[in-house]
Protein backbone atom coordinates (compact mmCIF):
# COMPACT_ATOMS: atom_id res chain seq x y z
CA MET A 1 0.00 0.00 0.00
CA LYS A 2 1.29 3.45 -0.87
CA LYS A 3 2.01 5.36 2.29
CA SER A 4 1.94 8.64 0.35
CA ALA A 5 -1.88 8.52 0.46
CA PHE A 6 -1.63 9.34 4.19
CA HIS A 7 1.41 11.63 4.10
CA GLY A 8 0.90 14.98 5.79
CA SER A 9 -1.08 16.41 8.65
CA TRP A 10 -4.72 15.71 9.44
CA ARG A 11 -6.94 17.73 11.79
CA ILE A 12 -8.74 15.46 14.26
CA ALA A 13 -12.25 16.86 13.97
CA LYS A 14 -14.31 14.49 16.12
CA THR A 15 -14.09 11.53 18.50
CA GLU A 16 -16.68 9.25 20.08
CA VAL A 17 -15.48 9.92 23.63
CA TRP A 18 -14.04 13.45 23.89
CA ASP A 19 -15.76 16.66 22.84
CA LYS A 20 -14.09 19.35 20.71
CA ALA A 21 -13.10 21.55 23.64
CA ALA A 22 -11.32 18.63 25.34
CA LEU A 23 -9.64 17.52 22.09
CA ASP A 24 -8.10 20.95 21.57
CA LEU A 25 -7.28 21.57 25.24
CA GLU A 26 -3.56 22.19 24.73
CA LYS A 27 -3.44 22.84 20.95
CA PRO A 28 -5.52 21.89 17.89
CA ALA A 29 -5.75 18.08 17.75
CA PHE A 30 -3.89 16.46 14.82
CA ILE A 31 -2.44 13.24 13.49
CA GLN A 32 0.51 13.37 11.07
CA PHE A 33 2.11 10.74 8.83
CA GLU A 34 5.65 11.00 7.49
CA ASP A 35 7.45 9.24 4.63
CA ASN A 36 9.66 7.13 6.92
CA ARG A 37 6.79 5.02 8.42
CA MET A 38 6.75 7.35 11.41
CA GLY A 39 4.20 9.86 12.57
CA GLU A 40 2.83 11.71 15.55
CA PHE A 41 -0.43 12.92 17.04
CA HIS A 42 -1.61 15.34 19.68
CA LEU A 43 -4.99 15.44 21.38
CA LEU A 44 -6.17 16.33 24.88
CA LEU A 45 -2.90 16.53 26.86
CA VAL A 46 -1.35 13.57 24.98
CA HIS A 47 1.52 13.80 22.52
CA GLY A 48 2.34 10.49 20.84
CA TRP A 49 4.89 9.22 18.30
CA MET A 50 3.78 6.45 15.94
CA ASP A 51 5.34 3.50 14.12
CA CYS A 52 3.07 2.94 11.09
CA ARG A 53 2.29 0.01 8.77
CA TYR A 54 0.32 0.63 5.58
CA GLU A 55 -2.14 -1.87 4.09
CA GLU A 56 -5.60 -2.18 2.58
CA ARG A 57 -8.91 -2.83 4.36
CA ASP A 58 -12.03 -3.64 2.37
CA GLY A 59 -10.34 -2.20 -0.73
CA LYS A 60 -9.47 1.12 0.98
CA PRO A 61 -6.03 2.43 1.98
CA ALA A 62 -5.43 1.79 5.68
CA VAL A 63 -2.75 2.26 8.32
CA GLU A 64 -2.13 0.46 11.61
CA PHE A 65 0.25 1.88 14.18
CA SER A 66 1.67 1.46 17.63
CA TRP A 67 2.58 4.56 19.60
CA GLU A 68 4.46 5.84 22.63
CA GLY A 69 3.91 9.21 24.17
CA ILE A 70 3.61 11.59 27.07
CA TYR A 71 0.50 12.46 29.09
CA GLU A 72 1.01 15.16 31.74
CA GLY A 73 4.68 14.19 32.09
CA ASN A 74 3.99 10.43 32.31
CA GLN A 75 4.83 7.86 29.66
CA CYS A 76 1.91 6.24 27.88
CA SER A 77 1.46 3.96 24.88
CA GLY A 78 -1.10 2.23 22.71
CA ARG A 79 -2.10 1.36 19.19
CA GLY A 80 -4.49 2.52 16.51
CA TRP A 81 -5.68 2.30 12.93
CA ALA A 82 -7.29 4.47 10.29
CA VAL A 83 -8.91 4.03 6.88
CA LEU A 84 -8.69 6.66 4.15
CA GLU A 85 -11.96 7.76 2.57
CA GLY A 86 -11.24 10.63 0.17
CA ASP A 87 -9.87 13.53 2.21
CA ARG A 88 -11.12 12.03 5.48
CA LEU A 89 -9.66 9.49 7.88
CA SER A 90 -11.84 7.29 10.07
CA GLY A 91 -10.12 5.25 12.73
CA ARG A 92 -9.69 4.21 16.33
CA LEU A 93 -7.08 5.14 18.94
CA PHE A 94 -6.35 2.82 21.88
CA PHE A 95 -4.55 3.71 25.13
CA HIS A 96 -2.74 0.76 26.75
CA GLU A 97 -4.79 -0.25 29.80
CA GLY A 98 -7.09 2.73 29.24
CA ASP A 99 -9.68 4.37 27.02
CA ASP A 100 -10.23 3.95 23.31
CA SER A 101 -12.21 6.06 20.90
CA GLY A 102 -13.16 6.27 17.27
CA PHE A 103 -12.06 9.43 15.48
CA THR A 104 -12.43 11.29 12.21
CA ALA A 105 -9.82 13.62 10.76
CA GLU A 106 -9.67 15.91 7.74
CA ARG A 107 -6.58 16.57 5.64
CA GLN A 108 -4.89 19.89 6.40
CA LYS A 109 -3.60 22.11 3.64
CA GLU A 110 0.15 22.23 2.97
CA GLY A 111 2.05 24.48 5.31
CA LYS A 112 -0.07 23.52 8.33
CA THR A 113 1.84 20.39 9.34
CA ALA A 114 3.15 19.98 12.85
CA LYS A 115 6.87 19.90 13.53
CA ARG A 116 8.36 16.59 14.64
CA ARG A 117 10.41 16.58 17.85
CA LYS A 118 14.18 16.36 17.59
CA ALA A 119 15.69 13.08 18.73
């Protein structure tokens, strides 16, 4: 599966569990995919870095990922997936030993991508 279909930044617009005000608590919620099978997301007070695998689900481009991150200074981790439907992603984000929620995200225009942390 071509990973370029996902490349770039996506604005997380809606989740099943958290309302818009909570999603954007610290900054506008996003999920971003990079060319090197890596990515990152930010929602609520969580900032996560992803290891992505691209595939197909029911004939649609899809991605599965594991992630590690920070929540209020504490380490956290989980997994997730998303399916591409035009300029919209639909997926699910799981927190290890915690909540999970479906989400939808819309592709952001060029120039609005988040900056990846320096290693």
